[in-house]
Each structure stands twice: as structure tokens, then as C-alpha cells.
Amino acid sequence: MALKITHDCINCDVCEPECPNEAISQGIEIYQIDPQLCTECVGHFDRPQCVAVCPVDCIPLDPEHAETQEQLLQKYRRLTTLTR
């Protein structure tokens, strides 16, 4: 499943450059994650890099975008094929 950024976000700017899929961008009030691009870093890293660097722990799983590990891996493959 994709991740989401909650309103606990303090706009510290550390998550955006860590995303290998460029799924994180500045929203109107807080950063946001595009679920079409988020793979939870599957294919790139062992754990989501945005979660690892977030100082306020405001990036949980998004239950509205449930995906299996296999679906995340397929999304990673699709995304990396498009960028080559």
C-alpha cells in the first residue's frame, strides 16, 4: 500500500529528496505523496526512506491505497522501465 503524510507534518523538507520515485511533493499545506508513484521504496531500499528520515513520524500506510508487496514490485518495475 502507498504511504501518506498526515497533518502532523511540520514541512521540514527532509522527505522529498529521499524519495527515489519522486512521489513526494509540496502540497497546499503539507507535503503529499502520489499513490501512483509510491512503492514504499520496494525495489530501491529495504524500508521507506521518507519514514526513516521523518522527525515527527507522520508517514503511515495509506489504507485507501492497499497494495501487496508483489503489486508494489510490479509498480516499481513499471516506473523504472518508463524512466529508462
Protein backbone atom coordinates (compact mmCIF):
# COMPACT_ATOMS: atom_id res chain seq x y z
CA MET A 1 0.00 0.00 0.00
CA ALA A 2 1.14 3.52 -0.58
CA LEU A 3 2.14 5.83 2.22
CA LYS A 4 0.54 9.13 3.16
CA ILE A 5 1.65 12.21 5.02
CA THR A 6 -0.61 13.30 7.87
CA HIS A 7 -1.33 16.80 9.15
CA ASP A 8 1.31 16.25 11.83
CA CYS A 9 3.81 17.15 9.06
CA ILE A 10 6.00 20.12 10.01
CA ASN A 11 7.18 20.80 6.42
CA CYS A 12 10.79 20.13 7.33
CA ASP A 13 11.67 19.23 3.72
CA VAL A 14 13.66 16.08 4.54
CA CYS A 15 11.34 13.50 2.96
CA GLU A 16 11.03 14.88 -0.56
CA PRO A 17 14.66 14.42 -1.71
CA GLU A 18 14.78 10.92 -0.20
CA CYS A 19 12.01 9.51 -2.42
CA PRO A 20 13.53 7.50 -5.29
CA ASN A 21 10.25 7.66 -7.25
CA GLU A 22 9.70 11.41 -6.85
CA ALA A 23 6.31 10.61 -5.31
CA ILE A 24 6.56 13.35 -2.67
CA SER A 25 5.79 16.98 -3.45
CA GLN A 26 4.79 20.12 -1.59
CA GLY A 27 1.02 20.39 -1.26
CA ILE A 28 -1.02 23.43 -0.31
CA GLU A 29 -0.42 23.00 3.43
CA ILE A 30 1.87 19.99 3.84
CA TYR A 31 3.85 17.58 1.73
CA GLN A 32 1.85 14.92 -0.10
CA ILE A 33 2.56 11.50 -1.58
CA ASP A 34 1.27 10.48 -5.00
CA PRO A 35 -0.03 6.91 -4.52
CA GLN A 36 0.51 6.21 -8.23
CA LEU A 37 4.25 6.72 -7.72
CA CYS A 38 4.77 5.43 -4.18
CA THR A 39 6.21 1.93 -3.93
CA GLU A 40 7.20 2.20 -0.24
CA CYS A 41 10.73 2.10 -1.71
CA VAL A 42 10.21 -1.54 -2.78
CA GLY A 43 12.83 -2.25 -5.43
CA HIS A 44 15.08 0.53 -4.17
CA PHE A 45 15.55 0.04 -0.41
CA ASP A 46 14.60 -2.33 2.41
CA ARG A 47 12.36 0.28 4.05
CA PRO A 48 10.63 3.51 3.04
CA GLN A 49 13.24 6.25 3.10
CA CYS A 50 10.75 9.03 3.86
CA VAL A 51 9.66 7.18 7.01
CA ALA A 52 13.28 6.66 8.03
CA VAL A 53 14.11 10.38 7.91
CA CYS A 54 10.81 11.85 9.17
CA PRO A 55 11.46 13.53 12.54
CA VAL A 56 7.78 13.58 13.60
CA ASP A 57 6.65 10.11 12.47
CA CYS A 58 3.82 11.42 10.26
CA ILE A 59 4.05 8.99 7.33
CA PRO A 60 1.85 5.92 7.93
CA LEU A 61 0.49 3.40 5.44
CA ASP A 62 -2.48 4.70 3.49
CA PRO A 63 -5.34 2.19 3.92
CA GLU A 64 -7.14 3.77 0.95
CA HIS A 65 -4.36 2.51 -1.35
CA ALA A 66 -3.81 -1.09 -0.26
CA GLU A 67 -1.22 -3.00 -2.30
CA THR A 68 0.65 -6.25 -1.78
CA GLN A 69 4.43 -6.49 -1.91
CA GLU A 70 4.09 -8.05 -5.37
CA GLN A 71 1.93 -5.15 -6.59
CA LEU A 72 4.47 -2.67 -5.23
CA LEU A 73 7.27 -4.55 -7.01
CA GLN A 74 5.29 -4.50 -10.26
CA LYS A 75 4.74 -0.76 -9.86
CA TYR A 76 8.48 -0.31 -9.25
CA ARG A 77 9.28 -2.26 -12.44
CA ARG A 78 6.78 -0.19 -14.44
CA LEU A 79 8.13 3.08 -13.08
CA THR A 80 11.78 2.20 -13.66
CA THR A 81 11.04 0.95 -17.18
CA LEU A 82 9.37 4.28 -18.01
CA THR A 83 12.37 6.29 -16.83
CA ARG A 84 14.99 4.39 -18.81
